[in-house]
Amino acid sequence: MSDITLTINGEIYDCVPRKPRGGTPCYAPVAYSQRNPHWAHIALGASRYTIGSAGCAVTAVAMLGTLAEPSLTPGILTIRLGVLGGFTSDGLLYWQKAAYAVDGLEWLDYRKWPSENADMDYVRSALERGPQIVQVDFKPKTSPLDTHFVLGLAMTEDGEDIDIIDPWAGQRGTLLGLYAQPGWDLARAIYALAEFRVS
């Protein structure tokens, strides 16, 4: 597998293969912010919401989708999904239709734990298969749940946290570091997981 070069907003990025835990070479996902002015204004289907205001899920899927289609952006994906009827009238993403919009992306499952601890055996197993979309609380110190989706890359080396890319700002960090209260573990901080496979 050869290296590739991407040009994004006039900046050049050299992308090099890395070996995940499974040993198969792959490329790291491109980190995107939903608030990037190139696509922040694009509506989520026929809803009143935009990528910038409520497009964390579609941005997370777009980042994952760059593993199959390196030039994919949240704007391109949102436009494709609009044609496919990929959003509810309230701008919520139909997960399965997201896979229809990206060649090489397959939707597998959506599991949620709204009022109980997440099944960490399942979460760890899914992340061993590749990056996944994880639901967190955008404002964990307030009630009720303020739904937000991030791209979970892999478990941290100590197995106690998840390395993520946060679509709000396109920044890398850890799930507990960004979206948990003191004393929370991962099982408490995860509310759902959308599982995909990249082929």
N, C-alpha and C. Protein backbone atom coordinates (compact mmCIF):
# COMPACT_ATOMS: atom_id res chain seq x y z
N MET A 1 0.86 -1.17 0.00
CA MET A 1 0.00 0.00 0.00
C MET A 1 0.90 1.24 0.00
N SER A 2 0.69 2.14 -0.93
CA SER A 2 1.55 3.29 -1.04
C SER A 2 1.00 4.47 -0.25
N ASP A 3 1.89 5.44 0.03
CA ASP A 3 1.46 6.65 0.71
C ASP A 3 0.59 7.48 -0.22
N ILE A 4 -0.28 8.32 0.36
CA ILE A 4 -1.07 9.25 -0.44
C ILE A 4 -0.92 10.65 0.14
N THR A 5 -1.19 11.62 -0.70
CA THR A 5 -1.14 13.02 -0.29
C THR A 5 -2.52 13.62 -0.50
N LEU A 6 -3.02 14.33 0.51
CA LEU A 6 -4.31 15.01 0.42
C LEU A 6 -4.10 16.51 0.51
N THR A 7 -4.87 17.26 -0.26
CA THR A 7 -4.87 18.71 -0.13
C THR A 7 -6.25 19.11 0.38
N ILE A 8 -6.29 19.73 1.55
CA ILE A 8 -7.54 20.14 2.18
C ILE A 8 -7.41 21.62 2.52
N ASN A 9 -8.32 22.41 1.96
CA ASN A 9 -8.32 23.85 2.20
C ASN A 9 -6.95 24.47 1.90
N GLY A 10 -6.31 23.98 0.84
CA GLY A 10 -5.02 24.52 0.44
C GLY A 10 -3.83 24.00 1.21
N GLU A 11 -4.05 23.20 2.24
CA GLU A 11 -2.95 22.63 3.00
C GLU A 11 -2.71 21.20 2.56
N ILE A 12 -1.43 20.81 2.46
CA ILE A 12 -1.06 19.48 1.98
C ILE A 12 -0.76 18.58 3.17
N TYR A 13 -1.37 17.38 3.15
CA TYR A 13 -1.17 16.40 4.21
C TYR A 13 -0.63 15.12 3.59
N ASP A 14 0.48 14.61 4.14
CA ASP A 14 1.00 13.32 3.73
C ASP A 14 0.40 12.26 4.63
N CYS A 15 -0.29 11.29 4.03
CA CYS A 15 -0.95 10.23 4.78
C CYS A 15 -0.14 8.96 4.61
N VAL A 16 0.26 8.37 5.71
CA VAL A 16 1.08 7.17 5.64
C VAL A 16 0.34 6.00 6.27
N PRO A 17 0.58 4.79 5.75
CA PRO A 17 -0.10 3.64 6.33
C PRO A 17 0.31 3.43 7.78
N ARG A 18 -0.62 2.94 8.57
CA ARG A 18 -0.32 2.53 9.93
C ARG A 18 -0.87 1.14 10.12
N LYS A 19 -0.38 0.42 11.09
CA LYS A 19 -0.86 -0.93 11.34
C LYS A 19 -1.68 -0.93 12.61
N PRO A 20 -3.00 -1.19 12.48
CA PRO A 20 -3.82 -1.30 13.68
C PRO A 20 -3.56 -2.62 14.37
N ARG A 21 -4.27 -2.85 15.48
CA ARG A 21 -4.04 -4.05 16.27
C ARG A 21 -4.15 -5.34 15.46
N GLY A 22 -5.03 -5.35 14.45
CA GLY A 22 -5.21 -6.55 13.65
C GLY A 22 -4.05 -6.83 12.71
N GLY A 23 -3.16 -5.85 12.48
CA GLY A 23 -2.01 -6.05 11.64
C GLY A 23 -2.22 -5.70 10.18
N THR A 24 -3.44 -5.35 9.77
CA THR A 24 -3.69 -5.01 8.38
C THR A 24 -3.44 -3.52 8.18
N PRO A 25 -2.61 -3.14 7.19
CA PRO A 25 -2.35 -1.72 6.98
C PRO A 25 -3.63 -0.96 6.63
N CYS A 26 -3.75 0.26 7.13
CA CYS A 26 -4.87 1.12 6.76
C CYS A 26 -4.42 2.56 6.93
N TYR A 27 -5.24 3.48 6.50
CA TYR A 27 -4.95 4.89 6.66
C TYR A 27 -5.77 5.43 7.82
N ALA A 28 -5.20 6.42 8.48
CA ALA A 28 -5.93 7.07 9.56
C ALA A 28 -7.05 7.91 8.97
N PRO A 29 -8.21 8.00 9.63
CA PRO A 29 -9.29 8.85 9.12
C PRO A 29 -8.88 10.31 9.09
N VAL A 30 -9.44 11.05 8.16
CA VAL A 30 -9.23 12.50 8.11
C VAL A 30 -10.06 13.13 9.22
N ALA A 31 -9.47 14.04 9.98
CA ALA A 31 -10.18 14.73 11.06
C ALA A 31 -10.90 15.94 10.51
N TYR A 32 -12.24 16.01 10.74
CA TYR A 32 -13.04 17.12 10.27
C TYR A 32 -13.78 17.78 11.42
N SER A 33 -14.02 19.08 11.27
CA SER A 33 -14.91 19.81 12.18
C SER A 33 -16.23 20.05 11.47
N GLN A 34 -17.33 19.80 12.16
CA GLN A 34 -18.64 20.07 11.58
C GLN A 34 -18.86 21.56 11.36
N ARG A 35 -18.07 22.39 12.03
CA ARG A 35 -18.24 23.85 11.93
C ARG A 35 -17.36 24.49 10.86
N ASN A 36 -16.67 23.67 10.06
CA ASN A 36 -15.87 24.19 8.96
C ASN A 36 -16.79 24.98 8.02
N PRO A 37 -16.45 26.24 7.69
CA PRO A 37 -17.35 27.06 6.86
C PRO A 37 -17.60 26.51 5.46
N HIS A 38 -16.79 25.56 5.00
CA HIS A 38 -17.04 24.97 3.69
C HIS A 38 -18.33 24.15 3.66
N TRP A 39 -18.74 23.63 4.82
CA TRP A 39 -19.97 22.80 4.83
C TRP A 39 -20.89 23.06 6.02
N ALA A 40 -20.50 23.89 6.95
CA ALA A 40 -21.31 24.11 8.17
C ALA A 40 -22.73 24.56 7.84
N HIS A 41 -22.93 25.27 6.74
CA HIS A 41 -24.24 25.83 6.38
C HIS A 41 -25.16 24.84 5.68
N ILE A 42 -24.67 23.66 5.30
CA ILE A 42 -25.47 22.71 4.53
C ILE A 42 -26.52 22.06 5.42
N ALA A 43 -27.76 22.06 4.96
CA ALA A 43 -28.87 21.52 5.75
C ALA A 43 -28.83 20.01 5.81
N LEU A 44 -29.29 19.46 6.93
CA LEU A 44 -29.42 18.02 7.11
C LEU A 44 -30.77 17.60 6.53
N GLY A 45 -30.77 17.23 5.26
CA GLY A 45 -32.01 16.89 4.57
C GLY A 45 -32.92 18.10 4.47
N ALA A 46 -34.20 17.89 4.74
CA ALA A 46 -35.19 18.97 4.68
C ALA A 46 -35.41 19.63 6.04
N SER A 47 -34.55 19.32 7.01
CA SER A 47 -34.73 19.86 8.35
C SER A 47 -34.23 21.30 8.45
N ARG A 48 -34.48 21.93 9.58
CA ARG A 48 -33.97 23.28 9.82
C ARG A 48 -32.55 23.26 10.37
N TYR A 49 -32.01 22.07 10.59
CA TYR A 49 -30.68 21.94 11.16
C TYR A 49 -29.62 21.85 10.07
N THR A 50 -28.41 22.26 10.43
CA THR A 50 -27.28 22.23 9.50
C THR A 50 -26.17 21.34 10.05
N ILE A 51 -25.19 21.09 9.21
CA ILE A 51 -24.02 20.34 9.68
C ILE A 51 -23.39 21.06 10.87
N GLY A 52 -23.26 22.38 10.76
CA GLY A 52 -22.61 23.14 11.82
C GLY A 52 -23.35 23.10 13.14
N SER A 53 -24.69 23.08 13.10
CA SER A 53 -25.46 23.12 14.34
C SER A 53 -25.73 21.74 14.92
N ALA A 54 -25.89 20.72 14.07
CA ALA A 54 -26.30 19.41 14.57
C ALA A 54 -25.75 18.25 13.75
N GLY A 55 -24.65 18.47 13.05
CA GLY A 55 -24.13 17.45 12.14
C GLY A 55 -23.00 16.62 12.69
N CYS A 56 -22.98 16.37 13.99
CA CYS A 56 -21.89 15.57 14.56
C CYS A 56 -21.90 14.14 14.01
N ALA A 57 -23.09 13.54 13.88
CA ALA A 57 -23.17 12.16 13.41
C ALA A 57 -22.69 12.04 11.97
N VAL A 58 -23.19 12.91 11.09
CA VAL A 58 -22.79 12.82 9.69
C VAL A 58 -21.31 13.16 9.51
N THR A 59 -20.79 14.05 10.34
CA THR A 59 -19.35 14.37 10.28
C THR A 59 -18.51 13.20 10.76
N ALA A 60 -18.97 12.52 11.81
CA ALA A 60 -18.24 11.34 12.29
C ALA A 60 -18.25 10.24 11.24
N VAL A 61 -19.38 10.05 10.56
CA VAL A 61 -19.44 9.04 9.50
C VAL A 61 -18.54 9.44 8.34
N ALA A 62 -18.50 10.73 8.00
CA ALA A 62 -17.63 11.18 6.93
C ALA A 62 -16.16 10.90 7.26
N MET A 63 -15.77 11.14 8.51
CA MET A 63 -14.39 10.84 8.90
C MET A 63 -14.11 9.35 8.74
N LEU A 64 -15.02 8.52 9.22
CA LEU A 64 -14.87 7.07 9.05
C LEU A 64 -14.82 6.72 7.57
N GLY A 65 -15.68 7.35 6.78
CA GLY A 65 -15.75 7.06 5.36
C GLY A 65 -14.48 7.40 4.59
N THR A 66 -13.64 8.30 5.13
CA THR A 66 -12.38 8.61 4.44
C THR A 66 -11.44 7.41 4.40
N LEU A 67 -11.69 6.40 5.23
CA LEU A 67 -10.88 5.18 5.15
C LEU A 67 -11.18 4.42 3.86
N ALA A 68 -12.39 4.58 3.32
CA ALA A 68 -12.77 3.94 2.06
C ALA A 68 -12.67 4.90 0.88
N GLU A 69 -12.93 6.18 1.15
CA GLU A 69 -12.96 7.20 0.10
C GLU A 69 -12.25 8.44 0.65
N PRO A 70 -10.92 8.54 0.45
CA PRO A 70 -10.13 9.58 1.11
C PRO A 70 -10.57 11.02 0.84
N SER A 71 -11.25 11.28 -0.29
CA SER A 71 -11.66 12.66 -0.59
C SER A 71 -13.04 13.00 -0.03
N LEU A 72 -13.68 12.08 0.66
CA LEU A 72 -15.02 12.33 1.23
C LEU A 72 -14.96 13.45 2.26
N THR A 73 -15.96 14.32 2.26
CA THR A 73 -16.08 15.37 3.27
C THR A 73 -17.48 15.31 3.86
N PRO A 74 -17.71 15.96 5.01
CA PRO A 74 -19.07 16.02 5.55
C PRO A 74 -20.06 16.66 4.58
N GLY A 75 -19.62 17.65 3.82
CA GLY A 75 -20.51 18.29 2.86
C GLY A 75 -20.94 17.33 1.76
N ILE A 76 -19.99 16.63 1.19
CA ILE A 76 -20.30 15.66 0.13
C ILE A 76 -21.24 14.58 0.65
N LEU A 77 -20.94 14.05 1.83
CA LEU A 77 -21.77 12.98 2.39
C LEU A 77 -23.19 13.48 2.68
N THR A 78 -23.32 14.67 3.21
CA THR A 78 -24.64 15.22 3.53
C THR A 78 -25.48 15.42 2.27
N ILE A 79 -24.86 15.90 1.21
CA ILE A 79 -25.58 16.07 -0.05
C ILE A 79 -26.03 14.71 -0.59
N ARG A 80 -25.16 13.72 -0.56
CA ARG A 80 -25.55 12.37 -1.00
C ARG A 80 -26.71 11.83 -0.18
N LEU A 81 -26.62 12.02 1.14
CA LEU A 81 -27.68 11.52 2.02
C LEU A 81 -29.00 12.25 1.79
N GLY A 82 -28.93 13.52 1.44
CA GLY A 82 -30.14 14.25 1.13
C GLY A 82 -30.88 13.63 -0.05
N VAL A 83 -30.13 13.20 -1.06
CA VAL A 83 -30.72 12.55 -2.23
C VAL A 83 -31.30 11.19 -1.86
N LEU A 84 -30.64 10.48 -0.94
CA LEU A 84 -31.07 9.13 -0.55
C LEU A 84 -32.15 9.12 0.52
N GLY A 85 -32.57 10.29 1.00
CA GLY A 85 -33.52 10.33 2.13
C GLY A 85 -32.87 9.86 3.40
N GLY A 86 -31.63 10.29 3.61
CA GLY A 86 -30.83 9.80 4.73
C GLY A 86 -31.05 10.49 6.06
N PHE A 87 -31.98 11.45 6.12
CA PHE A 87 -32.25 12.16 7.37
C PHE A 87 -33.75 12.15 7.67
N THR A 88 -34.08 12.13 8.94
CA THR A 88 -35.47 12.31 9.35
C THR A 88 -35.86 13.76 9.14
N SER A 89 -37.13 14.08 9.34
CA SER A 89 -37.59 15.47 9.21
C SER A 89 -36.95 16.38 10.26
N ASP A 90 -36.43 15.78 11.33
CA ASP A 90 -35.74 16.55 12.38
C ASP A 90 -34.22 16.55 12.20
N GLY A 91 -33.74 16.03 11.08
CA GLY A 91 -32.30 16.06 10.80
C GLY A 91 -31.50 14.93 11.41
N LEU A 92 -32.19 13.92 11.97
CA LEU A 92 -31.46 12.78 12.52
C LEU A 92 -31.03 11.86 11.39
N LEU A 93 -29.86 11.27 11.55
CA LEU A 93 -29.27 10.42 10.52
C LEU A 93 -29.85 9.01 10.55
N TYR A 94 -30.21 8.49 9.38
CA TYR A 94 -30.52 7.06 9.24
C TYR A 94 -29.18 6.34 9.03
N TRP A 95 -28.73 5.63 10.06
CA TRP A 95 -27.39 5.03 10.03
C TRP A 95 -27.18 4.11 8.83
N GLN A 96 -28.14 3.28 8.54
CA GLN A 96 -27.97 2.32 7.45
C GLN A 96 -27.81 3.03 6.11
N LYS A 97 -28.51 4.14 5.92
CA LYS A 97 -28.40 4.87 4.65
C LYS A 97 -27.04 5.54 4.51
N ALA A 98 -26.38 5.81 5.61
CA ALA A 98 -25.03 6.38 5.53
C ALA A 98 -24.09 5.42 4.81
N ALA A 99 -24.26 4.13 5.04
CA ALA A 99 -23.42 3.14 4.36
C ALA A 99 -23.74 3.08 2.87
N TYR A 100 -25.00 3.32 2.49
CA TYR A 100 -25.37 3.33 1.07
C TYR A 100 -24.67 4.47 0.32
N ALA A 101 -24.34 5.52 1.05
CA ALA A 101 -23.79 6.72 0.42
C ALA A 101 -22.27 6.66 0.22
N VAL A 102 -21.61 5.64 0.79
CA VAL A 102 -20.15 5.55 0.69
C VAL A 102 -19.76 4.15 0.25
N ASP A 103 -19.17 4.03 -0.93
CA ASP A 103 -18.68 2.73 -1.38
C ASP A 103 -17.58 2.26 -0.44
N GLY A 104 -17.69 1.01 0.01
CA GLY A 104 -16.69 0.46 0.91
C GLY A 104 -17.04 0.60 2.37
N LEU A 105 -18.21 1.19 2.68
CA LEU A 105 -18.66 1.33 4.06
C LEU A 105 -19.90 0.46 4.26
N GLU A 106 -19.86 -0.41 5.24
CA GLU A 106 -20.97 -1.32 5.52
C GLU A 106 -21.49 -1.08 6.93
N TRP A 107 -22.81 -0.88 7.06
CA TRP A 107 -23.43 -0.71 8.37
C TRP A 107 -23.69 -2.08 8.96
N LEU A 108 -23.34 -2.26 10.25
CA LEU A 108 -23.52 -3.55 10.91
C LEU A 108 -24.57 -3.53 12.00
N ASP A 109 -24.54 -2.53 12.88
CA ASP A 109 -25.41 -2.59 14.05
C ASP A 109 -25.48 -1.22 14.72
N TYR A 110 -26.52 -1.02 15.50
CA TYR A 110 -26.62 0.16 16.35
C TYR A 110 -27.12 -0.31 17.70
N ARG A 111 -26.30 -0.13 18.72
CA ARG A 111 -26.69 -0.53 20.08
C ARG A 111 -26.68 0.69 20.97
N LYS A 112 -27.70 0.77 21.84
CA LYS A 112 -27.75 1.92 22.74
C LYS A 112 -27.98 1.49 24.17
N TRP A 113 -27.48 2.31 25.07
CA TRP A 113 -27.60 2.08 26.51
C TRP A 113 -28.03 3.39 27.16
N PRO A 114 -29.28 3.79 26.97
CA PRO A 114 -29.71 5.11 27.44
C PRO A 114 -29.77 5.24 28.96
N SER A 115 -30.02 4.15 29.65
CA SER A 115 -30.17 4.26 31.11
C SER A 115 -29.39 3.19 31.86
N GLU A 116 -28.55 2.46 31.16
CA GLU A 116 -27.70 1.47 31.84
C GLU A 116 -26.28 1.58 31.29
N ASN A 117 -25.34 0.95 31.98
CA ASN A 117 -23.95 0.99 31.53
C ASN A 117 -23.79 0.28 30.20
N ALA A 118 -22.90 0.82 29.38
CA ALA A 118 -22.62 0.22 28.07
C ALA A 118 -22.01 -1.16 28.24
N ASP A 119 -22.27 -2.02 27.28
CA ASP A 119 -21.69 -3.36 27.23
C ASP A 119 -20.25 -3.22 26.72
N MET A 120 -19.29 -3.17 27.64
CA MET A 120 -17.92 -2.88 27.26
C MET A 120 -17.26 -4.03 26.50
N ASP A 121 -17.73 -5.26 26.69
CA ASP A 121 -17.19 -6.35 25.88
C ASP A 121 -17.51 -6.10 24.41
N TYR A 122 -18.75 -5.68 24.14
CA TYR A 122 -19.15 -5.38 22.77
C TYR A 122 -18.38 -4.17 22.23
N VAL A 123 -18.27 -3.10 23.04
CA VAL A 123 -17.58 -1.89 22.60
C VAL A 123 -16.13 -2.21 22.24
N ARG A 124 -15.43 -2.93 23.12
CA ARG A 124 -14.03 -3.28 22.84
C ARG A 124 -13.90 -4.13 21.59
N SER A 125 -14.80 -5.09 21.44
CA SER A 125 -14.76 -5.97 20.27
C SER A 125 -15.00 -5.17 18.99
N ALA A 126 -15.97 -4.27 19.00
CA ALA A 126 -16.25 -3.45 17.82
C ALA A 126 -15.04 -2.60 17.46
N LEU A 127 -14.39 -1.99 18.45
CA LEU A 127 -13.23 -1.14 18.18
C LEU A 127 -12.02 -1.95 17.71
N GLU A 128 -11.95 -3.21 18.08
CA GLU A 128 -10.88 -4.06 17.55
C GLU A 128 -11.07 -4.29 16.05
N ARG A 129 -12.31 -4.21 15.58
CA ARG A 129 -12.59 -4.40 14.16
C ARG A 129 -12.35 -3.12 13.37
N GLY A 130 -12.24 -1.98 14.04
CA GLY A 130 -11.98 -0.72 13.36
C GLY A 130 -12.64 0.44 14.07
N PRO A 131 -12.41 1.67 13.62
CA PRO A 131 -13.05 2.84 14.22
C PRO A 131 -14.57 2.73 14.16
N GLN A 132 -15.24 3.29 15.18
CA GLN A 132 -16.70 3.21 15.27
C GLN A 132 -17.25 4.56 15.76
N ILE A 133 -18.54 4.77 15.52
CA ILE A 133 -19.20 6.00 15.95
C ILE A 133 -19.78 5.78 17.35
N VAL A 134 -19.44 6.66 18.28
CA VAL A 134 -19.84 6.49 19.68
C VAL A 134 -20.65 7.71 20.13
N GLN A 135 -21.77 7.45 20.81
CA GLN A 135 -22.60 8.53 21.36
C GLN A 135 -22.14 8.86 22.77
N VAL A 136 -21.98 10.15 23.03
CA VAL A 136 -21.58 10.65 24.34
C VAL A 136 -22.55 11.77 24.74
N ASP A 137 -22.34 12.31 25.92
CA ASP A 137 -23.11 13.47 26.40
C ASP A 137 -22.25 14.71 26.17
N PHE A 138 -22.72 15.61 25.30
CA PHE A 138 -21.95 16.81 24.96
C PHE A 138 -21.72 17.69 26.19
N LYS A 139 -22.66 17.68 27.12
CA LYS A 139 -22.52 18.46 28.36
C LYS A 139 -22.77 17.54 29.55
N PRO A 140 -21.77 16.72 29.90
CA PRO A 140 -22.00 15.70 30.93
C PRO A 140 -22.33 16.24 32.32
N LYS A 141 -22.07 17.52 32.56
CA LYS A 141 -22.34 18.07 33.89
C LYS A 141 -23.77 18.59 34.02
N THR A 142 -24.55 18.52 32.94
CA THR A 142 -25.92 19.01 32.99
C THR A 142 -26.89 17.90 32.58
N SER A 143 -28.15 18.06 32.94
CA SER A 143 -29.21 17.14 32.52
C SER A 143 -30.20 17.91 31.67
N PRO A 144 -30.91 17.26 30.78
CA PRO A 144 -30.81 15.85 30.41
C PRO A 144 -29.65 15.60 29.45
N LEU A 145 -29.59 14.38 28.92
CA LEU A 145 -28.55 14.00 27.97
C LEU A 145 -28.56 14.93 26.77
N ASP A 146 -27.41 15.48 26.42
CA ASP A 146 -27.23 16.32 25.24
C ASP A 146 -26.43 15.49 24.23
N THR A 147 -27.16 14.81 23.35
CA THR A 147 -26.56 13.82 22.45
C THR A 147 -25.48 14.41 21.56
N HIS A 148 -24.37 13.69 21.48
CA HIS A 148 -23.25 14.07 20.61
C HIS A 148 -22.58 12.78 20.16
N PHE A 149 -22.11 12.75 18.90
CA PHE A 149 -21.41 11.59 18.37
C PHE A 149 -19.97 11.94 18.05
N VAL A 150 -19.07 11.01 18.36
CA VAL A 150 -17.65 11.16 18.07
C VAL A 150 -17.18 9.92 17.32
N LEU A 151 -16.02 10.02 16.69
CA LEU A 151 -15.43 8.86 16.04
C LEU A 151 -14.45 8.22 17.01
N GLY A 152 -14.79 7.02 17.49
CA GLY A 152 -13.89 6.26 18.35
C GLY A 152 -12.88 5.54 17.50
N LEU A 153 -11.60 5.81 17.73
CA LEU A 153 -10.54 5.21 16.90
C LEU A 153 -10.11 3.85 17.42
N ALA A 154 -9.81 3.77 18.71
CA ALA A 154 -9.33 2.52 19.31
C ALA A 154 -9.27 2.72 20.82
N MET A 155 -9.22 1.62 21.53
CA MET A 155 -9.00 1.70 22.98
C MET A 155 -7.60 2.26 23.23
N THR A 156 -7.44 3.01 24.30
CA THR A 156 -6.12 3.47 24.68
C THR A 156 -5.28 2.27 25.13
N GLU A 157 -3.98 2.46 25.21
CA GLU A 157 -3.09 1.34 25.53
C GLU A 157 -3.41 0.71 26.87
N ASP A 158 -3.87 1.51 27.84
CA ASP A 158 -4.20 0.95 29.15
C ASP A 158 -5.58 0.30 29.18
N GLY A 159 -6.33 0.42 28.09
CA GLY A 159 -7.65 -0.20 28.01
C GLY A 159 -8.73 0.50 28.81
N GLU A 160 -8.44 1.67 29.33
CA GLU A 160 -9.38 2.38 30.20
C GLU A 160 -10.12 3.52 29.52
N ASP A 161 -9.74 3.87 28.29
CA ASP A 161 -10.33 5.00 27.60
C ASP A 161 -10.34 4.71 26.10
N ILE A 162 -10.90 5.62 25.32
CA ILE A 162 -10.95 5.47 23.87
C ILE A 162 -10.35 6.72 23.23
N ASP A 163 -9.42 6.53 22.31
CA ASP A 163 -8.91 7.64 21.51
C ASP A 163 -10.01 8.01 20.52
N ILE A 164 -10.29 9.30 20.42
CA ILE A 164 -11.39 9.75 19.57
C ILE A 164 -10.96 10.94 18.71
N ILE A 165 -11.76 11.19 17.67
CA ILE A 165 -11.75 12.48 16.97
C ILE A 165 -13.13 13.08 17.23
N ASP A 166 -13.14 14.29 17.74
CA ASP A 166 -14.39 14.98 18.08
C ASP A 166 -14.81 15.86 16.91
N PRO A 167 -15.95 15.59 16.29
CA PRO A 167 -16.35 16.40 15.13
C PRO A 167 -16.72 17.85 15.46
N TRP A 168 -16.92 18.18 16.71
CA TRP A 168 -17.26 19.57 17.04
C TRP A 168 -16.15 20.50 16.58
N ALA A 169 -14.89 20.14 16.91
CA ALA A 169 -13.76 20.98 16.52
C ALA A 169 -12.76 20.24 15.65
N GLY A 170 -13.00 18.96 15.37
CA GLY A 170 -12.04 18.17 14.60
C GLY A 170 -10.80 17.83 15.39
N GLN A 171 -10.89 17.87 16.71
CA GLN A 171 -9.72 17.63 17.54
C GLN A 171 -9.65 16.19 18.00
N ARG A 172 -8.44 15.75 18.26
CA ARG A 172 -8.22 14.41 18.82
C ARG A 172 -8.12 14.52 20.33
N GLY A 173 -8.52 13.48 20.99
CA GLY A 173 -8.46 13.44 22.44
C GLY A 173 -8.90 12.07 22.90
N THR A 174 -9.36 11.99 24.14
CA THR A 174 -9.91 10.73 24.64
C THR A 174 -11.34 10.98 25.07
N LEU A 175 -12.15 9.94 25.02
CA LEU A 175 -13.55 10.07 25.35
C LEU A 175 -13.74 10.56 26.78
N LEU A 176 -13.08 9.92 27.73
CA LEU A 176 -13.23 10.34 29.12
C LEU A 176 -12.62 11.71 29.37
N GLY A 177 -11.57 12.03 28.64
CA GLY A 177 -10.93 13.33 28.80
C GLY A 177 -11.81 14.48 28.34
N LEU A 178 -12.68 14.23 27.34
CA LEU A 178 -13.51 15.29 26.79
C LEU A 178 -14.97 15.23 27.22
N TYR A 179 -15.49 14.01 27.46
CA TYR A 179 -16.94 13.89 27.66
C TYR A 179 -17.31 13.00 28.85
N ALA A 180 -16.76 13.30 29.99
CA ALA A 180 -17.12 12.56 31.19
C ALA A 180 -16.94 13.45 32.42
N GLN A 181 -17.66 13.09 33.46
CA GLN A 181 -17.46 13.74 34.75
C GLN A 181 -16.40 12.97 35.52
N PRO A 182 -15.76 13.60 36.50
CA PRO A 182 -14.78 12.89 37.32
C PRO A 182 -15.41 11.65 37.95
N GLY A 183 -14.69 10.55 37.90
CA GLY A 183 -15.17 9.31 38.48
C GLY A 183 -15.92 8.41 37.52
N TRP A 184 -16.28 8.92 36.35
CA TRP A 184 -16.95 8.08 35.36
C TRP A 184 -15.97 7.12 34.72
N ASP A 185 -16.45 5.92 34.39
CA ASP A 185 -15.68 5.02 33.55
C ASP A 185 -16.35 4.99 32.17
N LEU A 186 -15.76 4.25 31.23
CA LEU A 186 -16.31 4.22 29.88
C LEU A 186 -17.73 3.70 29.83
N ALA A 187 -18.02 2.68 30.62
CA ALA A 187 -19.36 2.10 30.60
C ALA A 187 -20.42 3.14 30.96
N ARG A 188 -20.07 4.09 31.80
CA ARG A 188 -21.00 5.16 32.20
C ARG A 188 -21.07 6.26 31.15
N ALA A 189 -19.97 6.48 30.42
CA ALA A 189 -19.87 7.63 29.52
C ALA A 189 -20.36 7.34 28.10
N ILE A 190 -20.60 6.07 27.76
CA ILE A 190 -21.04 5.70 26.42
C ILE A 190 -22.54 5.42 26.44
N TYR A 191 -23.27 6.04 25.50
CA TYR A 191 -24.72 5.87 25.44
C TYR A 191 -25.17 5.04 24.24
N ALA A 192 -24.34 4.94 23.22
CA ALA A 192 -24.69 4.14 22.04
C ALA A 192 -23.43 3.95 21.20
N LEU A 193 -23.51 2.96 20.30
CA LEU A 193 -22.42 2.74 19.35
C LEU A 193 -23.02 2.31 18.01
N ALA A 194 -22.64 3.02 16.96
CA ALA A 194 -23.02 2.65 15.58
C ALA A 194 -21.84 1.92 14.98
N GLU A 195 -22.04 0.65 14.67
CA GLU A 195 -20.92 -0.16 14.18
C GLU A 195 -20.95 -0.26 12.66
N PHE A 196 -19.81 0.05 12.06
CA PHE A 196 -19.61 -0.04 10.62
C PHE A 196 -18.38 -0.90 10.35
N ARG A 197 -18.29 -1.36 9.11
CA ARG A 197 -17.08 -2.05 8.65
C ARG A 197 -16.63 -1.37 7.37
N VAL A 198 -15.33 -1.12 7.27
CA VAL A 198 -14.75 -0.55 6.06
C VAL A 198 -14.10 -1.66 5.27
N SER A 199 -14.50 -1.79 4.00
CA SER A 199 -13.91 -2.86 3.19
C SER A 199 -13.03 -2.29 2.09
